[in-house]
Amino acid sequence: MAESYDVIVIGGGHNGLTTAAYLAKGGEKDGKNKLKVLVLERYKKVGGAAMSEEIYPGFTYSTCSYVCSLLRPEIFRFLDLPRHGLQVIPYEINSSPNPEGEGIITYKDHDRTRESLRRHSIKDAEAYDHYAAEISRQCRFIKPLLMLTPPDPTQLNPFAQNRINPWGKREDLDGLLKIAAEFSRMGEKEMYEIIRFWTMSIGDFLDEYFENPRWKGFSAASSIIGTALGPYSPGTAYVLLHHYMGEVDGQIGAWGFARGGMGSVSKAIASAATEAGVEIRTNAEVAKVIVKGGRAVGVALTSGEEIYAKAVTSNLDPKRTYLKLIEKSDLDAIDPDIHAYAKNFKIRGSSGKLNIALDGLPQFAGCPKESAWGTIDIGGDFDYIEHAFDDYKYGSWSKRPFLDIVIPTTVDPTMAPPGKHFMSVFVQYVPYKLAESEWTPQMKAAFEKDVLDTIEMNAPGFRNLILHCQTRTPWDIENEVGLTEGNIFQGELTLDQLLFNRPFPGLGQYRGPFDGFYMCGSGTHPGGGVMGAPGANAAREMLKDFKHGVIR
């Protein structure tokens, strides 16, 4: 007889691993009977987009995600990740090179940043305090919601039928009251600003504070990363906030490097999960979720093997889950709208990635040598970014792209031989499908050349340092990592796909349309990034259902 489990987790990315670890550590019945949890990962190792691999001899590449900040401190503590080997090294500097003059430099220290900004604009230096205060206010409002199951306001309707979570009305009311309490602590002006901020463009927002074009372009960087929108597109202000909500060692908004590469994050969570009793199987690709009698009862692997469980949760994105793993007939038997929601779910790929082994440290124009110790953004002003977005809109990669660059080996010598460096280059904008052709090797080479040329313009002599370059388009990221269209957030962070609408209306609380089926990836609240919150939140809801006897 085939072995059976309490829970099967599809996908060994960081959220799937977090769900598994939380279930195993928290799923004790009467203090003795732990849940039996199995993680199934299609690749040869776990990690998903949070992966480290030796692609070039002696160099460890963070192949997709490349910096750490959003991983929730609650998860750090609960899983005791430092004991499992995770160390995050904060960096204190961010810069934007300028081939024609002095670059932009910011620091972790607020006052030092103001003084740096004063060199470009006294007005902007004075406005920086007000800007920072507004961002902090926005973060204070949103942060309590990250580890909260988003309440569904439709369930306050006394005639509503909550088939997915039949006892949810009281919980939805409590959640809405919690949000209302946070909101009511603000003054009337601040309340209006919160609502306005969530819907406005980053261009309009920054125009209200600053005058220096290069400073505004630099400040807009986090609002467009991984997003198929330009700086004047509505909703990009929230994407900026999404990247500001993290912390390193209690420093709000700080970023750092995971020692040994981003795979160290997944490795530590996997270690905590294994210690708690989770079974992890690699090279085990799921082909189908088995649905019988209106409930998920297991999975079928591409090998033909079937594995059964009381519950199944998917760490894959919503499109991949509902359009590839679940039969349309099974969805239509429950609700025909779900298949349409999945088809229409916005998950446009817009980002590429280059991983480069270097023979030495490049020098960026207009910046001190120490600028290489943090992030280096090549992007100029709003016009530069908008032109890059124009290329993307018409089906081409940006010929002069926005680049978010880090060289983690400046603070972490474990990732390259002595005197050598690893450079991660995040590229915006790159379409999943080209207008003129499919992604051919020739097109990929031309894309790579444009990126390297752009770096060379901002760091003369850079090309002479290249030992090896790995280039990934959104098509590569989808096929190698499993993210639909290479979208790093498993779905765009627009207002119609946030909170209780993420991934779909009626399915925003981690429970799927079938009994015993759940979602735990970044396609659920609160969204993408190496955060872990979707995985932890999904586990909490599953444990609740086990306790209530919904899962037997």
Protein backbone atom coordinates (compact mmCIF):
# COMPACT_ATOMS: atom_id res chain seq x y z
CA MET A 1 0.00 0.00 0.00
CA ALA A 2 1.32 3.45 -0.92
CA GLU A 3 2.64 5.54 1.95
CA SER A 4 0.29 8.30 3.09
CA TYR A 5 1.02 11.70 4.67
CA ASP A 6 -0.84 14.36 6.54
CA VAL A 7 0.34 17.11 4.18
CA ILE A 8 2.12 17.19 0.83
CA VAL A 9 3.86 20.46 -0.07
CA ILE A 10 4.36 20.95 -3.82
CA GLY A 11 7.57 22.90 -4.45
CA GLY A 12 10.66 23.28 -2.28
CA GLY A 13 11.10 27.04 -2.57
CA HIS A 14 11.55 29.07 0.59
CA ASN A 15 7.80 29.49 1.17
CA GLY A 16 7.07 25.79 0.69
CA LEU A 17 9.87 24.92 3.09
CA THR A 18 8.57 27.46 5.61
CA THR A 19 5.08 25.96 5.43
CA ALA A 20 6.48 22.47 5.96
CA ALA A 21 8.63 23.53 8.92
CA TYR A 22 5.75 25.40 10.59
CA LEU A 23 3.40 22.44 10.09
CA ALA A 24 5.88 19.99 11.55
CA LYS A 25 6.85 22.19 14.49
CA GLY A 26 3.35 23.41 15.26
CA GLY A 27 1.28 20.44 14.24
CA GLU A 28 1.34 18.43 17.42
CA LYS A 29 -1.85 16.78 18.60
CA ASP A 30 -2.07 16.32 22.37
CA GLY A 31 1.63 17.15 22.50
CA LYS A 32 2.79 13.91 20.90
CA ASN A 33 1.39 13.17 17.42
CA LYS A 34 3.19 15.35 14.89
CA LEU A 35 1.95 15.93 11.39
CA LYS A 36 3.68 13.85 8.75
CA VAL A 37 4.81 16.31 6.08
CA LEU A 38 6.37 15.65 2.66
CA VAL A 39 7.96 18.30 0.40
CA LEU A 40 8.22 17.44 -3.30
CA GLU A 41 10.74 19.44 -5.36
CA ARG A 42 11.20 18.91 -9.10
CA TYR A 43 14.84 20.15 -9.15
CA LYS A 44 17.88 18.30 -7.78
CA LYS A 45 18.00 20.62 -4.74
CA VAL A 46 15.59 22.83 -2.83
CA GLY A 47 15.50 26.60 -2.96
CA GLY A 48 13.51 27.63 -6.02
CA ALA A 49 14.40 31.24 -6.74
CA ALA A 50 16.44 31.45 -3.52
CA MET A 51 19.23 29.28 -4.86
CA SER A 52 23.04 29.22 -4.79
CA GLU A 53 25.05 27.15 -7.25
CA GLU A 54 28.62 26.86 -8.49
CA ILE A 55 28.12 27.70 -12.16
CA TYR A 56 31.77 28.69 -12.78
CA PRO A 57 34.63 26.91 -10.96
CA GLY A 58 35.31 28.45 -7.56
CA PHE A 59 32.40 30.92 -7.72
CA THR A 60 29.06 30.62 -5.92
CA TYR A 61 26.27 32.36 -7.82
CA SER A 62 23.00 33.58 -6.29
CA THR A 63 21.27 32.56 -9.48
CA CYS A 64 17.92 34.41 -9.04
CA SER A 65 17.19 36.32 -5.83
CA TYR A 66 20.28 38.14 -4.65
CA VAL A 67 19.69 40.28 -1.52
CA CYS A 68 17.99 39.62 1.80
CA SER A 69 15.73 41.90 3.85
CA LEU A 70 12.10 40.84 3.57
CA LEU A 71 12.44 37.52 5.44
CA ARG A 72 10.24 38.11 8.44
CA PRO A 73 11.98 38.29 11.85
CA GLU A 74 9.17 36.18 13.33
CA ILE A 75 10.25 33.34 11.04
CA PHE A 76 13.93 33.88 11.91
CA ARG A 77 13.07 33.42 15.58
CA PHE A 78 10.53 30.61 15.34
CA LEU A 79 12.73 28.43 13.13
CA ASP A 80 15.94 29.58 14.87
CA LEU A 81 17.57 30.07 11.48
CA PRO A 82 20.92 31.39 12.79
CA ARG A 83 21.39 28.04 14.54
CA HIS A 84 20.81 26.38 11.17
CA GLY A 85 23.59 28.43 9.59
CA LEU A 86 21.87 31.54 8.23
CA GLN A 87 23.86 34.74 8.60
CA VAL A 88 22.76 37.99 6.93
CA ILE A 89 25.48 40.62 6.48
CA PRO A 90 23.96 44.12 6.21
CA TYR A 91 25.39 46.65 3.81
CA GLU A 92 25.37 50.37 4.45
CA ILE A 93 25.65 52.06 1.06
CA ASN A 94 23.64 52.45 -2.14
CA SER A 95 24.75 54.34 -5.21
CA SER A 96 23.98 55.36 -8.76
CA PRO A 97 26.97 55.99 -11.08
CA ASN A 98 27.16 59.03 -13.33
CA PRO A 99 29.54 59.01 -16.33
CA GLU A 100 29.07 62.78 -16.68
CA GLY A 101 29.63 63.91 -13.11
CA GLU A 102 29.13 63.01 -9.46
CA GLY A 103 27.03 59.94 -8.70
CA ILE A 104 24.28 59.58 -6.11
CA ILE A 105 25.28 58.00 -2.79
CA THR A 106 23.00 57.06 0.13
CA TYR A 107 23.88 55.45 3.44
CA LYS A 108 22.19 53.50 6.19
CA ASP A 109 22.79 56.56 8.38
CA HIS A 110 19.97 59.05 7.76
CA ASP A 111 21.98 62.21 8.47
CA ARG A 112 24.85 61.08 6.27
CA THR A 113 22.40 60.54 3.41
CA ARG A 114 21.01 64.06 3.86
CA GLU A 115 24.51 65.51 3.66
CA SER A 116 25.26 63.47 0.55
CA LEU A 117 22.03 64.63 -1.07
CA ARG A 118 22.84 68.26 -0.20
CA ARG A 119 25.71 68.09 -2.69
CA HIS A 120 23.10 67.76 -5.45
CA SER A 121 20.20 69.84 -4.11
CA ILE A 122 19.75 71.75 -0.86
CA LYS A 123 15.98 71.67 -1.40
CA ASP A 124 15.98 67.88 -1.79
CA ALA A 125 18.14 67.44 1.30
CA GLU A 126 15.59 69.39 3.33
CA ALA A 127 12.69 67.43 1.79
CA TYR A 128 14.36 64.09 2.56
CA ASP A 129 13.21 64.14 6.21
CA HIS A 130 9.58 64.57 5.15
CA TYR A 131 9.90 61.85 2.50
CA ALA A 132 11.48 59.41 4.98
CA ALA A 133 8.75 60.15 7.54
CA GLU A 134 6.02 59.45 5.00
CA ILE A 135 7.60 56.15 3.95
CA SER A 136 7.95 55.16 7.62
CA ARG A 137 4.29 55.97 8.24
CA GLN A 138 3.24 53.80 5.31
CA CYS A 139 5.43 50.96 6.58
CA ARG A 140 3.99 51.18 10.10
CA PHE A 141 0.52 50.72 8.66
CA ILE A 142 1.29 47.80 6.36
CA LYS A 143 3.77 45.79 8.47
CA PRO A 144 1.18 44.39 10.95
CA LEU A 145 -0.74 43.02 7.96
CA LEU A 146 2.15 40.91 6.63
CA MET A 147 1.69 38.01 9.05
CA LEU A 148 -2.10 38.36 9.07
CA THR A 149 -4.51 36.28 7.02
CA PRO A 150 -6.22 38.98 4.93
CA PRO A 151 -9.82 39.38 6.13
CA ASP A 152 -12.49 39.03 3.45
CA PRO A 153 -15.01 41.90 3.79
CA THR A 154 -17.63 40.03 1.75
CA GLN A 155 -18.03 37.59 4.62
CA LEU A 156 -19.59 40.32 6.75
CA ASN A 157 -22.68 39.90 4.57
CA PRO A 158 -25.07 37.90 6.81
CA PHE A 159 -26.30 35.97 3.75
CA ALA A 160 -22.81 35.09 2.47
CA GLN A 161 -21.90 31.41 2.39
CA ASN A 162 -18.26 30.77 3.25
CA ARG A 163 -17.79 27.29 1.89
CA ILE A 164 -13.99 27.51 2.15
CA ASN A 165 -13.80 28.66 5.77
CA PRO A 166 -17.20 28.11 7.41
CA TRP A 167 -16.18 29.64 10.78
CA GLY A 168 -14.44 32.59 9.13
CA LYS A 169 -17.01 35.34 9.69
CA ARG A 170 -15.82 36.10 13.22
CA GLU A 171 -12.18 35.94 12.14
CA ASP A 172 -12.84 38.24 9.18
CA LEU A 173 -14.53 40.73 11.48
CA ASP A 174 -11.62 40.59 13.94
CA GLY A 175 -9.15 41.11 11.09
CA LEU A 176 -11.04 44.08 9.70
CA LEU A 177 -11.26 45.60 13.19
CA LYS A 178 -7.49 45.19 13.56
CA ILE A 179 -6.89 47.04 10.29
CA ALA A 180 -9.41 49.70 11.28
CA ALA A 181 -7.63 50.16 14.62
CA GLU A 182 -4.31 50.74 12.85
CA PHE A 183 -6.00 53.15 10.46
CA SER A 184 -7.80 55.09 13.20
CA ARG A 185 -4.55 55.88 15.01
CA MET A 186 -3.73 58.31 12.19
CA GLY A 187 -5.07 61.79 11.69
CA GLU A 188 -7.49 62.62 8.90
CA LYS A 189 -4.75 63.88 6.58
CA GLU A 190 -2.66 60.74 7.08
CA MET A 191 -5.69 58.54 6.33
CA TYR A 192 -6.21 60.26 2.99
CA GLU A 193 -2.49 59.95 2.21
CA ILE A 194 -2.51 56.18 2.90
CA ILE A 195 -5.36 55.62 0.44
CA ARG A 196 -3.81 57.91 -2.18
CA PHE A 197 -0.36 56.35 -1.86
CA TRP A 198 -1.58 52.83 -2.67
CA THR A 199 -2.96 53.92 -6.03
CA MET A 200 -0.48 56.56 -7.25
CA SER A 201 2.63 56.28 -9.41
CA ILE A 202 6.10 56.53 -7.95
CA GLY A 203 6.78 59.37 -10.39
CA ASP A 204 3.93 61.48 -9.04
CA PHE A 205 4.87 60.63 -5.46
CA LEU A 206 8.54 61.61 -5.78
CA ASP A 207 7.69 64.73 -7.80
CA GLU A 208 5.93 66.02 -4.69
CA TYR A 209 9.17 65.92 -2.68
CA PHE A 210 12.22 66.29 -4.91
CA GLU A 211 13.59 68.29 -7.83
CA ASN A 212 16.87 66.58 -8.83
CA PRO A 213 16.11 64.24 -11.79
CA ARG A 214 18.85 61.72 -11.03
CA TRP A 215 17.88 61.51 -7.37
CA LYS A 216 14.25 60.85 -8.33
CA GLY A 217 15.29 58.16 -10.79
CA PHE A 218 17.49 56.55 -8.15
CA SER A 219 14.71 56.68 -5.52
CA ALA A 220 12.27 55.04 -7.95
CA ALA A 221 14.40 51.91 -8.34
CA SER A 222 12.53 49.70 -5.86
CA SER A 223 9.17 50.63 -7.38
CA ILE A 224 9.88 49.06 -10.78
CA ILE A 225 11.98 46.02 -9.88
CA GLY A 226 10.16 42.90 -11.05
CA THR A 227 7.20 44.97 -12.24
CA ALA A 228 5.78 45.37 -15.76
CA LEU A 229 5.08 49.05 -15.12
CA GLY A 230 6.88 52.33 -15.75
CA PRO A 231 7.63 55.07 -13.19
CA TYR A 232 4.45 56.97 -14.05
CA SER A 233 2.20 53.90 -13.98
CA PRO A 234 -0.41 53.94 -11.18
CA GLY A 235 0.37 51.48 -8.40
CA THR A 236 4.16 51.68 -8.55
CA ALA A 237 4.32 53.64 -5.29
CA TYR A 238 3.08 50.54 -3.44
CA VAL A 239 5.77 48.37 -5.05
CA LEU A 240 8.34 50.77 -3.54
CA LEU A 241 6.73 50.24 -0.14
CA HIS A 242 6.83 46.46 -0.59
CA HIS A 243 10.63 46.66 -0.79
CA TYR A 244 10.90 48.99 2.22
CA MET A 245 9.07 46.69 4.65
CA GLY A 246 12.01 44.45 5.44
CA GLU A 247 14.69 44.66 8.08
CA VAL A 248 18.10 43.28 9.02
CA ASP A 249 19.00 42.99 12.71
CA GLY A 250 16.12 45.28 13.63
CA GLN A 251 17.13 47.98 11.11
CA ILE A 252 13.89 48.80 9.27
CA GLY A 253 14.33 49.07 5.50
CA ALA A 254 17.88 47.68 5.63
CA TRP A 255 19.17 45.08 3.16
CA GLY A 256 21.97 42.57 3.35
CA PHE A 257 23.69 39.58 1.81
CA ALA A 258 23.06 36.02 2.97
CA ARG A 259 26.51 34.59 3.67
CA GLY A 260 27.25 31.94 1.07
CA GLY A 261 24.58 33.25 -1.31
CA MET A 262 20.79 33.29 -1.21
CA GLY A 263 20.67 29.52 -1.22
CA SER A 264 21.76 29.77 2.41
CA VAL A 265 18.26 31.02 3.26
CA SER A 266 16.58 27.97 1.73
CA LYS A 267 19.22 25.66 3.17
CA ALA A 268 18.63 26.95 6.71
CA ILE A 269 14.83 26.67 6.44
CA ALA A 270 15.18 23.15 4.98
CA SER A 271 17.46 22.23 7.90
CA ALA A 272 14.89 23.49 10.40
CA ALA A 273 12.15 21.58 8.58
CA THR A 274 14.15 18.34 8.47
CA GLU A 275 14.99 18.66 12.17
CA ALA A 276 11.26 18.96 12.86
CA GLY A 277 10.62 15.71 10.98
CA VAL A 278 9.77 16.91 7.45
CA GLU A 279 10.65 14.55 4.60
CA ILE A 280 12.08 16.32 1.53
CA ARG A 281 12.28 14.62 -1.86
CA THR A 282 14.11 16.23 -4.78
CA ASN A 283 13.92 15.21 -8.46
CA ALA A 284 10.23 14.62 -7.75
CA GLU A 285 8.12 16.71 -10.13
CA VAL A 286 4.37 16.81 -9.53
CA ALA A 287 2.26 16.39 -12.67
CA LYS A 288 -1.22 16.55 -11.16
CA VAL A 289 -3.19 17.14 -7.98
CA ILE A 290 -5.52 14.17 -7.45
CA VAL A 291 -9.07 15.31 -6.68
CA LYS A 292 -11.73 12.82 -5.61
CA GLY A 293 -15.19 13.56 -4.31
CA GLY A 294 -14.55 17.30 -4.24
CA ARG A 295 -11.39 17.15 -2.15
CA ALA A 296 -7.64 16.96 -2.81
CA VAL A 297 -6.35 13.56 -1.75
CA GLY A 298 -2.82 13.46 -3.14
CA VAL A 299 -0.57 14.03 -6.14
CA ALA A 300 0.69 12.15 -9.17
CA LEU A 301 4.34 12.60 -10.13
CA THR A 302 5.64 12.77 -13.69
CA SER A 303 7.21 9.38 -13.00
CA GLY A 304 3.72 7.91 -12.61
CA GLU A 305 3.98 7.46 -8.85
CA GLU A 306 0.96 8.51 -6.79
CA ILE A 307 1.28 9.80 -3.22
CA TYR A 308 -1.70 10.37 -0.96
CA ALA A 309 -2.29 12.81 1.89
CA LYS A 310 -5.03 14.40 3.97
CA ALA A 311 -4.08 17.81 2.57
CA VAL A 312 -2.07 19.24 -0.32
CA THR A 313 -0.57 22.73 -0.55
CA SER A 314 1.04 24.31 -3.59
CA ASN A 315 4.04 26.63 -3.41
CA LEU A 316 3.81 27.14 -7.18
CA ASP A 317 2.36 30.30 -8.68
CA PRO A 318 -1.43 30.48 -9.24
CA LYS A 319 -1.26 30.03 -13.04
CA ARG A 320 1.02 27.01 -12.80
CA THR A 321 -1.12 25.52 -10.05
CA TYR A 322 -4.61 26.02 -11.46
CA LEU A 323 -3.88 25.71 -15.18
CA LYS A 324 -1.33 22.87 -15.15
CA LEU A 325 -1.70 20.81 -11.96
CA ILE A 326 -5.48 20.75 -11.63
CA GLU A 327 -7.89 19.42 -14.25
CA LYS A 328 -10.27 22.04 -15.63
CA SER A 329 -13.17 19.63 -15.13
CA ASP A 330 -12.35 19.42 -11.42
CA LEU A 331 -12.37 23.22 -11.18
CA ASP A 332 -15.58 23.59 -13.19
CA ALA A 333 -17.33 21.13 -10.89
CA ILE A 334 -16.66 23.52 -8.00
CA ASP A 335 -16.71 26.98 -9.64
CA PRO A 336 -16.18 27.66 -13.38
CA ASP A 337 -14.94 31.18 -12.56
CA ILE A 338 -11.71 29.86 -11.01
CA HIS A 339 -10.25 28.73 -14.33
CA ALA A 340 -11.04 32.16 -15.80
CA TYR A 341 -9.44 33.90 -12.80
CA ALA A 342 -6.29 31.84 -13.31
CA LYS A 343 -6.11 32.64 -17.03
CA ASN A 344 -6.55 36.36 -16.35
CA PHE A 345 -4.18 36.53 -13.37
CA LYS A 346 -1.52 39.17 -14.16
CA ILE A 347 1.92 37.62 -14.01
CA ARG A 348 3.85 39.35 -16.80
CA GLY A 349 7.56 38.70 -16.87
CA SER A 350 9.64 41.88 -17.06
CA SER A 351 13.06 41.03 -15.61
CA GLY A 352 16.27 39.35 -16.67
CA LYS A 353 19.34 38.34 -14.70
CA LEU A 354 23.06 38.20 -15.40
CA ASN A 355 25.46 36.44 -13.02
CA ILE A 356 29.08 37.34 -13.67
CA ALA A 357 32.42 36.06 -12.38
CA LEU A 358 34.96 38.91 -12.24
CA ASP A 359 38.74 38.94 -12.13
CA GLY A 360 38.69 42.07 -9.95
CA LEU A 361 36.52 44.86 -8.60
CA PRO A 362 35.14 47.39 -11.10
CA GLN A 363 35.23 51.14 -10.47
CA PHE A 364 31.94 52.95 -11.09
CA ALA A 365 31.94 56.42 -12.62
CA GLY A 366 31.34 59.31 -10.26
CA CYS A 367 31.33 57.06 -7.19
CA PRO A 368 33.92 56.19 -4.52
CA LYS A 369 35.36 52.67 -4.43
CA GLU A 370 33.22 51.84 -1.40
CA SER A 371 30.08 52.10 -3.54
CA ALA A 372 30.73 48.52 -4.73
CA TRP A 373 29.99 47.30 -1.18
CA GLY A 374 26.23 47.82 -1.56
CA THR A 375 23.73 48.16 -4.39
CA ILE A 376 24.66 50.01 -7.57
CA ASP A 377 21.69 51.21 -9.63
CA ILE A 378 22.22 52.25 -13.23
CA GLY A 379 19.15 54.12 -14.35
CA GLY A 380 19.55 57.87 -14.66
CA ASP A 381 16.31 59.83 -14.39
CA PHE A 382 12.61 59.14 -15.03
CA ASP A 383 13.07 59.71 -18.77
CA TYR A 384 15.78 57.03 -18.87
CA ILE A 385 13.53 54.53 -17.07
CA GLU A 386 10.45 55.44 -19.11
CA HIS A 387 12.39 54.93 -22.37
CA ALA A 388 13.53 51.54 -21.07
CA PHE A 389 9.88 50.72 -20.35
CA ASP A 390 8.86 51.88 -23.86
CA ASP A 391 11.16 49.23 -25.40
CA TYR A 392 9.46 46.59 -23.24
CA LYS A 393 5.93 47.74 -24.13
CA TYR A 394 6.66 47.16 -27.80
CA GLY A 395 8.08 43.70 -27.34
CA SER A 396 11.83 44.30 -26.99
CA TRP A 397 14.31 44.25 -24.15
CA SER A 398 15.47 47.69 -23.02
CA LYS A 399 18.44 48.72 -25.14
CA ARG A 400 19.64 50.92 -22.25
CA PRO A 401 18.14 49.05 -19.30
CA PHE A 402 17.72 49.90 -15.67
CA LEU A 403 20.17 47.69 -13.72
CA ASP A 404 20.24 46.78 -10.04
CA ILE A 405 23.75 45.47 -9.31
CA VAL A 406 25.34 43.94 -6.23
CA ILE A 407 28.80 42.46 -5.64
CA PRO A 408 28.30 40.44 -2.42
CA THR A 409 31.91 39.22 -2.42
CA THR A 410 32.95 42.68 -1.18
CA VAL A 411 31.66 41.62 2.25
CA ASP A 412 31.35 37.82 1.83
CA PRO A 413 34.61 36.20 0.68
CA THR A 414 33.08 32.71 0.69
CA MET A 415 31.50 33.18 -2.75
CA ALA A 416 34.65 33.60 -4.90
CA PRO A 417 38.41 32.86 -4.85
CA PRO A 418 40.68 35.47 -3.21
CA GLY A 419 40.87 38.67 -5.25
CA LYS A 420 37.93 37.62 -7.47
CA HIS A 421 34.32 38.77 -7.29
CA PHE A 422 30.80 37.66 -8.10
CA MET A 423 28.45 40.27 -9.58
CA SER A 424 24.66 39.92 -9.72
CA VAL A 425 22.90 42.09 -12.31
CA PHE A 426 19.11 42.41 -12.19
CA VAL A 427 17.80 43.78 -15.49
CA GLN A 428 14.65 45.78 -16.11
CA TYR A 429 12.90 45.54 -18.61
CA VAL A 430 12.94 42.21 -20.46
CA PRO A 431 9.80 40.68 -22.02
CA TYR A 432 8.87 37.03 -21.74
CA LYS A 433 7.97 37.02 -25.43
CA LEU A 434 9.64 39.16 -28.06
CA ALA A 435 7.54 40.92 -30.68
CA GLU A 436 9.83 40.02 -33.59
CA SER A 437 10.72 36.41 -32.74
CA GLU A 438 11.09 33.80 -30.06
CA TRP A 439 14.10 34.01 -27.74
CA THR A 440 16.85 32.56 -29.92
CA PRO A 441 20.52 32.19 -28.89
CA GLN A 442 21.28 35.16 -31.13
CA MET A 443 18.64 37.32 -29.44
CA LYS A 444 19.86 36.29 -26.01
CA ALA A 445 23.44 37.19 -26.98
CA ALA A 446 22.29 40.61 -28.24
CA PHE A 447 20.41 41.21 -24.97
CA GLU A 448 23.51 40.25 -22.98
CA LYS A 449 25.65 42.61 -25.05
CA ASP A 450 23.33 45.57 -24.39
CA VAL A 451 23.48 44.92 -20.64
CA LEU A 452 27.27 44.59 -20.59
CA ASP A 453 27.64 47.69 -22.77
CA THR A 454 25.48 49.64 -20.32
CA ILE A 455 27.66 48.55 -17.40
CA GLU A 456 30.82 49.41 -19.34
CA MET A 457 29.51 52.93 -19.94
CA ASN A 458 29.16 53.37 -16.19
CA ALA A 459 32.27 51.41 -15.16
CA PRO A 460 35.00 51.83 -17.80
CA GLY A 461 37.22 48.76 -18.06
CA PHE A 462 34.53 46.46 -16.67
CA ARG A 463 34.50 44.15 -19.71
CA ASN A 464 38.18 43.30 -19.22
CA LEU A 465 37.34 41.82 -15.80
CA ILE A 466 34.74 39.29 -17.02
CA LEU A 467 35.67 35.64 -16.55
CA HIS A 468 32.21 34.14 -17.10
CA CYS A 469 28.66 35.36 -17.62
CA GLN A 470 25.40 33.48 -17.09
CA THR A 471 22.44 35.22 -18.76
CA ARG A 472 18.79 34.52 -18.03
CA THR A 473 15.73 35.91 -19.77
CA PRO A 474 12.21 35.57 -18.29
CA TRP A 475 11.78 32.55 -20.59
CA ASP A 476 14.87 30.95 -19.02
CA ILE A 477 13.67 31.73 -15.50
CA GLU A 478 10.30 30.12 -16.21
CA ASN A 479 11.80 26.96 -17.66
CA GLU A 480 14.68 26.60 -15.20
CA VAL A 481 13.10 27.84 -11.97
CA GLY A 482 9.38 27.30 -12.55
CA LEU A 483 8.16 30.89 -12.21
CA THR A 484 5.51 31.58 -14.86
CA GLU A 485 6.87 34.16 -17.34
CA GLY A 486 9.80 34.61 -14.95
CA ASN A 487 7.71 36.87 -12.69
CA ILE A 488 9.68 37.15 -9.44
CA PHE A 489 6.59 37.96 -7.34
CA GLN A 490 4.46 35.02 -8.60
CA GLY A 491 1.98 37.67 -9.74
CA GLU A 492 1.99 41.43 -10.05
CA LEU A 493 1.60 43.58 -6.96
CA THR A 494 -1.24 45.73 -8.25
CA LEU A 495 -4.18 46.76 -6.08
CA ASP A 496 -6.54 44.28 -7.76
CA GLN A 497 -4.17 41.43 -6.78
CA LEU A 498 -3.48 42.32 -3.14
CA LEU A 499 -4.88 41.30 0.26
CA PHE A 500 -8.09 39.21 0.03
CA ASN A 501 -7.96 39.32 -3.79
CA ARG A 502 -4.60 37.52 -3.91
CA PRO A 503 -4.56 35.27 -5.83
CA PHE A 504 -8.28 35.39 -6.71
CA PRO A 505 -11.48 36.81 -5.20
CA GLY A 506 -12.86 34.32 -2.70
CA LEU A 507 -9.58 32.39 -2.46
CA GLY A 508 -7.45 34.98 -0.66
CA GLN A 509 -7.05 33.14 2.64
CA TYR A 510 -4.68 30.36 1.52
CA ARG A 511 -7.49 27.80 1.15
CA GLY A 512 -8.17 26.47 -2.33
CA PRO A 513 -11.51 25.61 -3.92
CA PHE A 514 -11.36 21.97 -2.77
CA ASP A 515 -11.39 20.62 0.74
CA GLY A 516 -7.84 19.76 1.74
CA PHE A 517 -6.19 22.02 -0.85
CA TYR A 518 -4.15 25.15 -0.05
CA MET A 519 -1.77 27.70 -1.57
CA CYS A 520 1.39 28.82 0.24
CA GLY A 521 3.52 30.65 -2.33
CA SER A 522 4.17 34.29 -3.18
CA GLY A 523 1.01 34.32 -5.29
CA THR A 524 -0.84 34.65 -1.99
CA HIS A 525 -0.81 37.49 0.56
CA PRO A 526 1.43 39.42 1.17
CA GLY A 527 3.21 38.69 -2.11
CA GLY A 528 6.69 38.12 -3.46
CA GLY A 529 10.27 38.50 -2.35
CA VAL A 530 12.19 36.17 -0.05
CA MET A 531 9.78 36.89 2.79
CA GLY A 532 8.42 33.58 4.06
CA ALA A 533 5.21 35.23 5.26
CA PRO A 534 2.91 33.47 2.74
CA GLY A 535 4.32 30.11 3.82
CA ALA A 536 3.97 30.80 7.55
CA ASN A 537 0.47 32.26 7.16
CA ALA A 538 -0.71 29.28 5.08
CA ALA A 539 0.62 26.84 7.68
CA ARG A 540 -1.28 28.69 10.41
CA GLU A 541 -4.55 28.31 8.48
CA MET A 542 -3.87 24.63 7.80
CA LEU A 543 -3.13 23.94 11.47
CA LYS A 544 -6.38 25.68 12.34
CA ASP A 545 -8.27 23.41 9.94
CA PHE A 546 -6.63 20.30 11.39
CA LYS A 547 -7.66 21.48 14.85
CA HIS A 548 -11.26 22.14 13.76
CA GLY A 549 -11.46 18.70 12.18
CA VAL A 550 -11.93 20.03 8.67
CA ILE A 551 -8.90 17.95 7.62
CA ARG A 552 -9.31 14.37 8.82
